[in-house]
Amino acid sequence: MFRMPAIDMVATGRNIMKLREEAGLTVKELQGIFGFATPQAIYKWQRGTAMPSVDNLVVLAAALGSSLDEIIVIDRKLASTMPWQ
C-alpha cells in the first residue's frame, strides 16, 4: 500500500509567514512582487486557508530565498492509503 502524502496547509502557512519575516519582507512588498491588486491571497496563504499555485510557489521560494521543501509541510498523519494493483 502506498501512503499518499498530504500538505498541512496551516503549518505551510506558518512557514510562509516565518520565512517572509526572516527575509525582511512585508506582505505589501510580496504583494508588489506578485503584482496582486490586494494582499488577500498572501494573507490566505499565511493563514493556511489557501495554497499558492505551483508557479506562485516557485516565485515565492525565490523571493524568500528558500526552497519549495522549506515552504511546504507534509503531514504523514493526514496521508491517505492508496492501494496499487
PDB file of N, CA and C in Angstrom:
ATOM      1  N   MET A   1       0.830  -1.184   0.000  1.00  0.00           N
ATOM      2  CA  MET A   1       0.000   0.000   0.000  1.00  0.00           C
ATOM      3  C   MET A   1       0.878   1.253   0.000  1.00  0.00           C
ATOM      4  N   PHE A   2       0.467   2.199  -0.758  1.00  0.00           N
ATOM      5  CA  PHE A   2       1.180   3.470  -0.873  1.00  0.00           C
ATOM      6  C   PHE A   2       0.454   4.527  -0.051  1.00  0.00           C
ATOM      7  N   ARG A   3       1.182   5.276   0.765  1.00  0.00           N
ATOM      8  CA  ARG A   3       0.589   6.366   1.546  1.00  0.00           C
ATOM      9  C   ARG A   3       0.733   7.658   0.765  1.00  0.00           C
ATOM     10  N   MET A   4      -0.402   8.189   0.302  1.00  0.00           N
ATOM     11  CA  MET A   4      -0.431   9.420  -0.470  1.00  0.00           C
ATOM     12  C   MET A   4      -0.128  10.590   0.461  1.00  0.00           C
ATOM     13  N   PRO A   5       0.911  11.367   0.199  1.00  0.00           N
ATOM     14  CA  PRO A   5       1.243  12.492   1.086  1.00  0.00           C
ATOM     15  C   PRO A   5       0.164  13.569   1.035  1.00  0.00           C
ATOM     16  N   ALA A   6       0.034  14.289   2.150  1.00  0.00           N
ATOM     17  CA  ALA A   6      -0.931  15.389   2.234  1.00  0.00           C
ATOM     18  C   ALA A   6      -0.218  16.619   2.758  1.00  0.00           C
ATOM     19  N   ILE A   7      -0.575  17.776   2.225  1.00  0.00           N
ATOM     20  CA  ILE A   7       0.021  19.034   2.658  1.00  0.00           C
ATOM     21  C   ILE A   7      -0.716  19.546   3.887  1.00  0.00           C
ATOM     22  N   ASP A   8       0.030  19.891   4.924  1.00  0.00           N
ATOM     23  CA  ASP A   8      -0.528  20.542   6.101  1.00  0.00           C
ATOM     24  C   ASP A   8      -0.577  22.035   5.778  1.00  0.00           C
ATOM     25  N   MET A   9      -1.756  22.517   5.407  1.00  0.00           N
ATOM     26  CA  MET A   9      -1.888  23.892   4.930  1.00  0.00           C
ATOM     27  C   MET A   9      -1.617  24.915   6.025  1.00  0.00           C
ATOM     28  N   VAL A  10      -2.024  24.631   7.264  1.00  0.00           N
ATOM     29  CA  VAL A  10      -1.805  25.582   8.358  1.00  0.00           C
ATOM     30  C   VAL A  10      -0.315  25.698   8.668  1.00  0.00           C
ATOM     31  N   ALA A  11       0.371  24.567   8.758  1.00  0.00           N
ATOM     32  CA  ALA A  11       1.815  24.596   9.026  1.00  0.00           C
ATOM     33  C   ALA A  11       2.568  25.230   7.861  1.00  0.00           C
ATOM     34  N   THR A  12       2.111  24.990   6.642  1.00  0.00           N
ATOM     35  CA  THR A  12       2.727  25.620   5.474  1.00  0.00           C
ATOM     36  C   THR A  12       2.536  27.131   5.542  1.00  0.00           C
ATOM     37  N   GLY A  13       1.350  27.562   5.933  1.00  0.00           N
ATOM     38  CA  GLY A  13       1.094  28.997   6.092  1.00  0.00           C
ATOM     39  C   GLY A  13       1.996  29.631   7.132  1.00  0.00           C
ATOM     40  N   ARG A  14       2.202  28.923   8.246  1.00  0.00           N
ATOM     41  CA  ARG A  14       3.115  29.441   9.276  1.00  0.00           C
ATOM     42  C   ARG A  14       4.533  29.544   8.719  1.00  0.00           C
ATOM     43  N   ASN A  15       4.938  28.563   7.903  1.00  0.00           N
ATOM     44  CA  ASN A  15       6.262  28.622   7.277  1.00  0.00           C
ATOM     45  C   ASN A  15       6.380  29.837   6.363  1.00  0.00           C
ATOM     46  N   ILE A  16       5.339  30.087   5.579  1.00  0.00           N
ATOM     47  CA  ILE A  16       5.374  31.236   4.671  1.00  0.00           C
ATOM     48  C   ILE A  16       5.567  32.517   5.471  1.00  0.00           C
ATOM     49  N   MET A  17       4.811  32.669   6.560  1.00  0.00           N
ATOM     50  CA  MET A  17       4.936  33.877   7.369  1.00  0.00           C
ATOM     51  C   MET A  17       6.326  33.983   8.001  1.00  0.00           C
ATOM     52  N   LYS A  18       6.816  32.875   8.549  1.00  0.00           N
ATOM     53  CA  LYS A  18       8.136  32.872   9.196  1.00  0.00           C
ATOM     54  C   LYS A  18       9.230  33.206   8.190  1.00  0.00           C
ATOM     55  N   LEU A  19       9.196  32.564   7.027  1.00  0.00           N
ATOM     56  CA  LEU A  19      10.219  32.803   6.015  1.00  0.00           C
ATOM     57  C   LEU A  19      10.134  34.222   5.458  1.00  0.00           C
ATOM     58  N   ARG A  20       8.916  34.748   5.331  1.00  0.00           N
ATOM     59  CA  ARG A  20       8.746  36.136   4.866  1.00  0.00           C
ATOM     60  C   ARG A  20       9.382  37.104   5.858  1.00  0.00           C
ATOM     61  N   GLU A  21       9.112  36.884   7.139  1.00  0.00           N
ATOM     62  CA  GLU A  21       9.686  37.751   8.170  1.00  0.00           C
ATOM     63  C   GLU A  21      11.205  37.629   8.211  1.00  0.00           C
ATOM     64  N   GLU A  22      11.722  36.397   8.102  1.00  0.00           N
ATOM     65  CA  GLU A  22      13.173  36.185   8.101  1.00  0.00           C
ATOM     66  C   GLU A  22      13.828  36.854   6.893  1.00  0.00           C
ATOM     67  N   ALA A  23      13.107  36.916   5.776  1.00  0.00           N
ATOM     68  CA  ALA A  23      13.632  37.563   4.568  1.00  0.00           C
ATOM     69  C   ALA A  23      13.514  39.087   4.657  1.00  0.00           C
ATOM     70  N   GLY A  24      12.845  39.575   5.700  1.00  0.00           N
ATOM     71  CA  GLY A  24      12.700  41.014   5.878  1.00  0.00           C
ATOM     72  C   GLY A  24      11.687  41.636   4.931  1.00  0.00           C
ATOM     73  N   LEU A  25      10.725  40.836   4.474  1.00  0.00           N
ATOM     74  CA  LEU A  25       9.706  41.331   3.545  1.00  0.00           C
ATOM     75  C   LEU A  25       8.385  41.540   4.252  1.00  0.00           C
ATOM     76  N   THR A  26       7.666  42.582   3.860  1.00  0.00           N
ATOM     77  CA  THR A  26       6.318  42.800   4.355  1.00  0.00           C
ATOM     78  C   THR A  26       5.338  42.135   3.403  1.00  0.00           C
ATOM     79  N   VAL A  27       4.108  41.997   3.860  1.00  0.00           N
ATOM     80  CA  VAL A  27       3.058  41.453   2.992  1.00  0.00           C
ATOM     81  C   VAL A  27       2.890  42.378   1.786  1.00  0.00           C
ATOM     82  N   LYS A  28       2.943  43.676   2.022  1.00  0.00           N
ATOM     83  CA  LYS A  28       2.799  44.656   0.932  1.00  0.00           C
ATOM     84  C   LYS A  28       3.916  44.488  -0.110  1.00  0.00           C
ATOM     85  N   GLU A  29       5.126  44.223   0.340  1.00  0.00           N
ATOM     86  CA  GLU A  29       6.228  44.006  -0.599  1.00  0.00           C
ATOM     87  C   GLU A  29       6.009  42.733  -1.420  1.00  0.00           C
ATOM     88  N   LEU A  30       5.534  41.652  -0.766  1.00  0.00           N
ATOM     89  CA  LEU A  30       5.223  40.432  -1.516  1.00  0.00           C
ATOM     90  C   LEU A  30       4.102  40.692  -2.511  1.00  0.00           C
ATOM     91  N   GLN A  31       3.116  41.452  -2.091  1.00  0.00           N
ATOM     92  CA  GLN A  31       2.025  41.822  -2.987  1.00  0.00           C
ATOM     93  C   GLN A  31       2.580  42.482  -4.249  1.00  0.00           C
ATOM     94  N   GLY A  32       3.543  43.370  -4.085  1.00  0.00           N
ATOM     95  CA  GLY A  32       4.174  44.039  -5.225  1.00  0.00           C
ATOM     96  C   GLY A  32       4.944  43.079  -6.106  1.00  0.00           C
ATOM     97  N   ILE A  33       5.656  42.136  -5.492  1.00  0.00           N
ATOM     98  CA  ILE A  33       6.419  41.153  -6.259  1.00  0.00           C
ATOM     99  C   ILE A  33       5.490  40.349  -7.162  1.00  0.00           C
ATOM    100  N   PHE A  34       4.332  39.959  -6.623  1.00  0.00           N
ATOM    101  CA  PHE A  34       3.377  39.166  -7.395  1.00  0.00           C
ATOM    102  C   PHE A  34       2.492  40.007  -8.298  1.00  0.00           C
ATOM    103  N   GLY A  35       2.454  41.314  -8.066  1.00  0.00           N
ATOM    104  CA  GLY A  35       1.603  42.179  -8.871  1.00  0.00           C
ATOM    105  C   GLY A  35       0.126  42.026  -8.531  1.00  0.00           C
ATOM    106  N   PHE A  36      -0.167  41.594  -7.300  1.00  0.00           N
ATOM    107  CA  PHE A  36      -1.549  41.443  -6.868  1.00  0.00           C
ATOM    108  C   PHE A  36      -2.149  42.813  -6.568  1.00  0.00           C
ATOM    109  N   ALA A  37      -3.421  42.989  -6.887  1.00  0.00           N
ATOM    110  CA  ALA A  37      -4.122  44.245  -6.605  1.00  0.00           C
ATOM    111  C   ALA A  37      -4.350  44.416  -5.103  1.00  0.00           C
ATOM    112  N   THR A  38      -4.557  43.297  -4.393  1.00  0.00           N
ATOM    113  CA  THR A  38      -4.755  43.334  -2.946  1.00  0.00           C
ATOM    114  C   THR A  38      -3.871  42.260  -2.303  1.00  0.00           C
ATOM    115  N   PRO A  39      -3.637  42.369  -0.997  1.00  0.00           N
ATOM    116  CA  PRO A  39      -2.795  41.371  -0.322  1.00  0.00           C
ATOM    117  C   PRO A  39      -3.558  40.143   0.159  1.00  0.00           C
ATOM    118  N   GLN A  40      -4.836  40.033  -0.166  1.00  0.00           N
ATOM    119  CA  GLN A  40      -5.670  38.970   0.395  1.00  0.00           C
ATOM    120  C   GLN A  40      -5.134  37.564   0.137  1.00  0.00           C
ATOM    121  N   ALA A  41      -4.615  37.309  -1.049  1.00  0.00           N
ATOM    122  CA  ALA A  41      -4.091  35.972  -1.350  1.00  0.00           C
ATOM    123  C   ALA A  41      -2.942  35.614  -0.404  1.00  0.00           C
ATOM    124  N   ILE A  42      -2.071  36.560  -0.146  1.00  0.00           N
ATOM    125  CA  ILE A  42      -0.922  36.304   0.731  1.00  0.00           C
ATOM    126  C   ILE A  42      -1.390  36.037   2.150  1.00  0.00           C
ATOM    127  N   TYR A  43      -2.372  36.801   2.628  1.00  0.00           N
ATOM    128  CA  TYR A  43      -2.920  36.547   3.965  1.00  0.00           C
ATOM    129  C   TYR A  43      -3.572  35.167   4.034  1.00  0.00           C
ATOM    130  N   LYS A  44      -4.256  34.754   2.977  1.00  0.00           N
ATOM    131  CA  LYS A  44      -4.862  33.411   2.950  1.00  0.00           C
ATOM    132  C   LYS A  44      -3.787  32.331   2.985  1.00  0.00           C
ATOM    133  N   TRP A  45      -2.689  32.545   2.263  1.00  0.00           N
ATOM    134  CA  TRP A  45      -1.581  31.591   2.299  1.00  0.00           C
ATOM    135  C   TRP A  45      -1.064  31.459   3.726  1.00  0.00           C
ATOM    136  N   GLN A  46      -0.853  32.610   4.386  1.00  0.00           N
ATOM    137  CA  GLN A  46      -0.274  32.621   5.729  1.00  0.00           C
ATOM    138  C   GLN A  46      -1.216  32.006   6.765  1.00  0.00           C
ATOM    139  N   ARG A  47      -2.514  32.119   6.570  1.00  0.00           N
ATOM    140  CA  ARG A  47      -3.491  31.513   7.486  1.00  0.00           C
ATOM    141  C   ARG A  47      -3.696  30.030   7.196  1.00  0.00           C
ATOM    142  N   GLY A  48      -3.253  29.578   6.030  1.00  0.00           N
ATOM    143  CA  GLY A  48      -3.448  28.184   5.661  1.00  0.00           C
ATOM    144  C   GLY A  48      -4.838  27.893   5.123  1.00  0.00           C
ATOM    145  N   THR A  49      -5.539  28.932   4.659  1.00  0.00           N
ATOM    146  CA  THR A  49      -6.867  28.711   4.076  1.00  0.00           C
ATOM    147  C   THR A  49      -6.799  28.574   2.562  1.00  0.00           C
ATOM    148  N   ALA A  50      -5.639  28.844   1.990  1.00  0.00           N
ATOM    149  CA  ALA A  50      -5.408  28.678   0.549  1.00  0.00           C
ATOM    150  C   ALA A  50      -3.925  28.396   0.349  1.00  0.00           C
ATOM    151  N   MET A  51      -3.641  27.750  -0.777  1.00  0.00           N
ATOM    152  CA  MET A  51      -2.247  27.460  -1.132  1.00  0.00           C
ATOM    153  C   MET A  51      -1.889  28.225  -2.397  1.00  0.00           C
ATOM    154  N   PRO A  52      -0.646  28.701  -2.485  1.00  0.00           N
ATOM    155  CA  PRO A  52      -0.215  29.318  -3.742  1.00  0.00           C
ATOM    156  C   PRO A  52      -0.219  28.281  -4.856  1.00  0.00           C
ATOM    157  N   SER A  53      -0.455  28.727  -6.074  1.00  0.00           N
ATOM    158  CA  SER A  53      -0.334  27.831  -7.225  1.00  0.00           C
ATOM    159  C   SER A  53       1.131  27.418  -7.354  1.00  0.00           C
ATOM    160  N   VAL A  54       1.389  26.416  -8.150  1.00  0.00           N
ATOM    161  CA  VAL A  54       2.761  25.926  -8.307  1.00  0.00           C
ATOM    162  C   VAL A  54       3.676  27.038  -8.817  1.00  0.00           C
ATOM    163  N   ASP A  55       3.235  27.796  -9.825  1.00  0.00           N
ATOM    164  CA  ASP A  55       4.103  28.861 -10.339  1.00  0.00           C
ATOM    165  C   ASP A  55       4.296  29.957  -9.294  1.00  0.00           C
ATOM    166  N   ASN A  56       3.257  30.253  -8.484  1.00  0.00           N
ATOM    167  CA  ASN A  56       3.437  31.236  -7.419  1.00  0.00           C
ATOM    168  C   ASN A  56       4.352  30.707  -6.318  1.00  0.00           C
ATOM    169  N   LEU A  57       4.323  29.400  -6.066  1.00  0.00           N
ATOM    170  CA  LEU A  57       5.247  28.810  -5.090  1.00  0.00           C
ATOM    171  C   LEU A  57       6.698  28.970  -5.530  1.00  0.00           C
ATOM    172  N   VAL A  58       6.948  28.808  -6.810  1.00  0.00           N
ATOM    173  CA  VAL A  58       8.311  28.965  -7.334  1.00  0.00           C
ATOM    174  C   VAL A  58       8.784  30.406  -7.146  1.00  0.00           C
ATOM    175  N   VAL A  59       7.928  31.368  -7.461  1.00  0.00           N
ATOM    176  CA  VAL A  59       8.270  32.786  -7.273  1.00  0.00           C
ATOM    177  C   VAL A  59       8.439  33.089  -5.790  1.00  0.00           C
ATOM    178  N   LEU A  60       7.543  32.558  -4.962  1.00  0.00           N
ATOM    179  CA  LEU A  60       7.616  32.781  -3.520  1.00  0.00           C
ATOM    180  C   LEU A  60       8.934  32.260  -2.950  1.00  0.00           C
ATOM    181  N   ALA A  61       9.328  31.053  -3.350  1.00  0.00           N
ATOM    182  CA  ALA A  61      10.591  30.485  -2.874  1.00  0.00           C
ATOM    183  C   ALA A  61      11.770  31.374  -3.264  1.00  0.00           C
ATOM    184  N   ALA A  62      11.759  31.864  -4.490  1.00  0.00           N
ATOM    185  CA  ALA A  62      12.846  32.750  -4.937  1.00  0.00           C
ATOM    186  C   ALA A  62      12.841  34.049  -4.138  1.00  0.00           C
ATOM    187  N   ALA A  63      11.662  34.624  -3.923  1.00  0.00           N
ATOM    188  CA  ALA A  63      11.569  35.887  -3.185  1.00  0.00           C
ATOM    189  C   ALA A  63      12.013  35.726  -1.737  1.00  0.00           C
ATOM    190  N   LEU A  64      11.734  34.558  -1.159  1.00  0.00           N
ATOM    191  CA  LEU A  64      12.084  34.310   0.241  1.00  0.00           C
ATOM    192  C   LEU A  64      13.480  33.726   0.409  1.00  0.00           C
ATOM    193  N   GLY A  65      14.139  33.415  -0.701  1.00  0.00           N
ATOM    194  CA  GLY A  65      15.469  32.817  -0.629  1.00  0.00           C
ATOM    195  C   GLY A  65      15.427  31.424  -0.025  1.00  0.00           C
ATOM    196  N   SER A  66      14.375  30.676  -0.341  1.00  0.00           N
ATOM    197  CA  SER A  66      14.218  29.332   0.219  1.00  0.00           C
ATOM    198  C   SER A  66      13.874  28.343  -0.890  1.00  0.00           C
ATOM    199  N   SER A  67      13.714  27.099  -0.502  1.00  0.00           N
ATOM    200  CA  SER A  67      13.323  26.068  -1.456  1.00  0.00           C
ATOM    201  C   SER A  67      11.851  25.727  -1.240  1.00  0.00           C
ATOM    202  N   LEU A  68      11.265  25.033  -2.195  1.00  0.00           N
ATOM    203  CA  LEU A  68       9.882  24.579  -2.041  1.00  0.00           C
ATOM    204  C   LEU A  68       9.754  23.660  -0.837  1.00  0.00           C
ATOM    205  N   ASP A  69      10.765  22.822  -0.605  1.00  0.00           N
ATOM    206  CA  ASP A  69      10.741  21.907   0.534  1.00  0.00           C
ATOM    207  C   ASP A  69      10.729  22.643   1.867  1.00  0.00           C
ATOM    208  N   GLU A  70      11.324  23.827   1.918  1.00  0.00           N
ATOM    209  CA  GLU A  70      11.310  24.613   3.148  1.00  0.00           C
ATOM    210  C   GLU A  70       9.950  25.254   3.391  1.00  0.00           C
ATOM    211  N   ILE A  71       9.193  25.471   2.337  1.00  0.00           N
ATOM    212  CA  ILE A  71       7.896  26.132   2.458  1.00  0.00           C
ATOM    213  C   ILE A  71       6.799  25.128   2.774  1.00  0.00           C
ATOM    214  N   ILE A  72       6.733  24.056   2.011  1.00  0.00           N
ATOM    215  CA  ILE A  72       5.629  23.098   2.114  1.00  0.00           C
ATOM    216  C   ILE A  72       5.879  22.097   3.242  1.00  0.00           C
ATOM    217  N   VAL A  73       4.851  21.889   4.069  1.00  0.00           N
ATOM    218  CA  VAL A  73       4.923  20.920   5.161  1.00  0.00           C
ATOM    219  C   VAL A  73       4.021  19.735   4.806  1.00  0.00           C
ATOM    220  N   ILE A  74       4.617  18.550   4.790  1.00  0.00           N
ATOM    221  CA  ILE A  74       3.870  17.319   4.521  1.00  0.00           C
ATOM    222  C   ILE A  74       3.505  16.701   5.867  1.00  0.00           C
ATOM    223  N   ASP A  75       2.229  16.391   6.043  1.00  0.00           N
ATOM    224  CA  ASP A  75       1.756  15.761   7.270  1.00  0.00           C
ATOM    225  C   ASP A  75       1.462  14.300   6.975  1.00  0.00           C
ATOM    226  N   ARG A  76       2.284  13.442   7.489  1.00  0.00           N
ATOM    227  CA  ARG A  76       2.133  11.999   7.243  1.00  0.00           C
ATOM    228  C   ARG A  76       0.852  11.453   7.874  1.00  0.00           C
ATOM    229  N   LYS A  77       0.364  12.092   8.957  1.00  0.00           N
ATOM    230  CA  LYS A  77      -0.865  11.623   9.603  1.00  0.00           C
ATOM    231  C   LYS A  77      -2.090  11.893   8.754  1.00  0.00           C
ATOM    232  N   LEU A  78      -2.042  12.947   7.919  1.00  0.00           N
ATOM    233  CA  LEU A  78      -3.148  13.264   7.041  1.00  0.00           C
ATOM    234  C   LEU A  78      -3.128  12.419   5.774  1.00  0.00           C
ATOM    235  N   ALA A  79      -2.037  11.704   5.580  1.00  0.00           N
ATOM    236  CA  ALA A  79      -1.890  10.925   4.345  1.00  0.00           C
ATOM    237  C   ALA A  79      -2.953   9.849   4.245  1.00  0.00           C
ATOM    238  N   SER A  80      -3.408   9.630   3.056  1.00  0.00           N
ATOM    239  CA  SER A  80      -4.394   8.578   2.823  1.00  0.00           C
ATOM    240  C   SER A  80      -3.713   7.383   2.164  1.00  0.00           C
ATOM    241  N   THR A  81      -4.225   6.220   2.443  1.00  0.00           N
ATOM    242  CA  THR A  81      -3.655   4.997   1.887  1.00  0.00           C
ATOM    243  C   THR A  81      -4.270   4.727   0.534  1.00  0.00           C
ATOM    244  N   MET A  82      -3.410   4.494  -0.442  1.00  0.00           N
ATOM    245  CA  MET A  82      -3.860   4.218  -1.801  1.00  0.00           C
ATOM    246  C   MET A  82      -3.385   2.820  -2.187  1.00  0.00           C
ATOM    247  N   PRO A  83      -4.311   1.898  -2.378  1.00  0.00           N
ATOM    248  CA  PRO A  83      -3.905   0.565  -2.821  1.00  0.00           C
ATOM    249  C   PRO A  83      -3.512   0.586  -4.306  1.00  0.00           C
ATOM    250  N   TRP A  84      -2.382   0.030  -4.610  1.00  0.00           N
ATOM    251  CA  TRP A  84      -1.931  -0.060  -6.011  1.00  0.00           C
ATOM    252  C   TRP A  84      -2.050  -1.495  -6.458  1.00  0.00           C
ATOM    253  N   GLN A  85      -2.592  -1.656  -7.644  1.00  0.00           N
ATOM    254  CA  GLN A  85      -2.790  -3.004  -8.145  1.00  0.00           C
ATOM    255  C   GLN A  85      -1.707  -3.380  -9.123  1.00  0.00           C
TER     256      GLN A  85
END
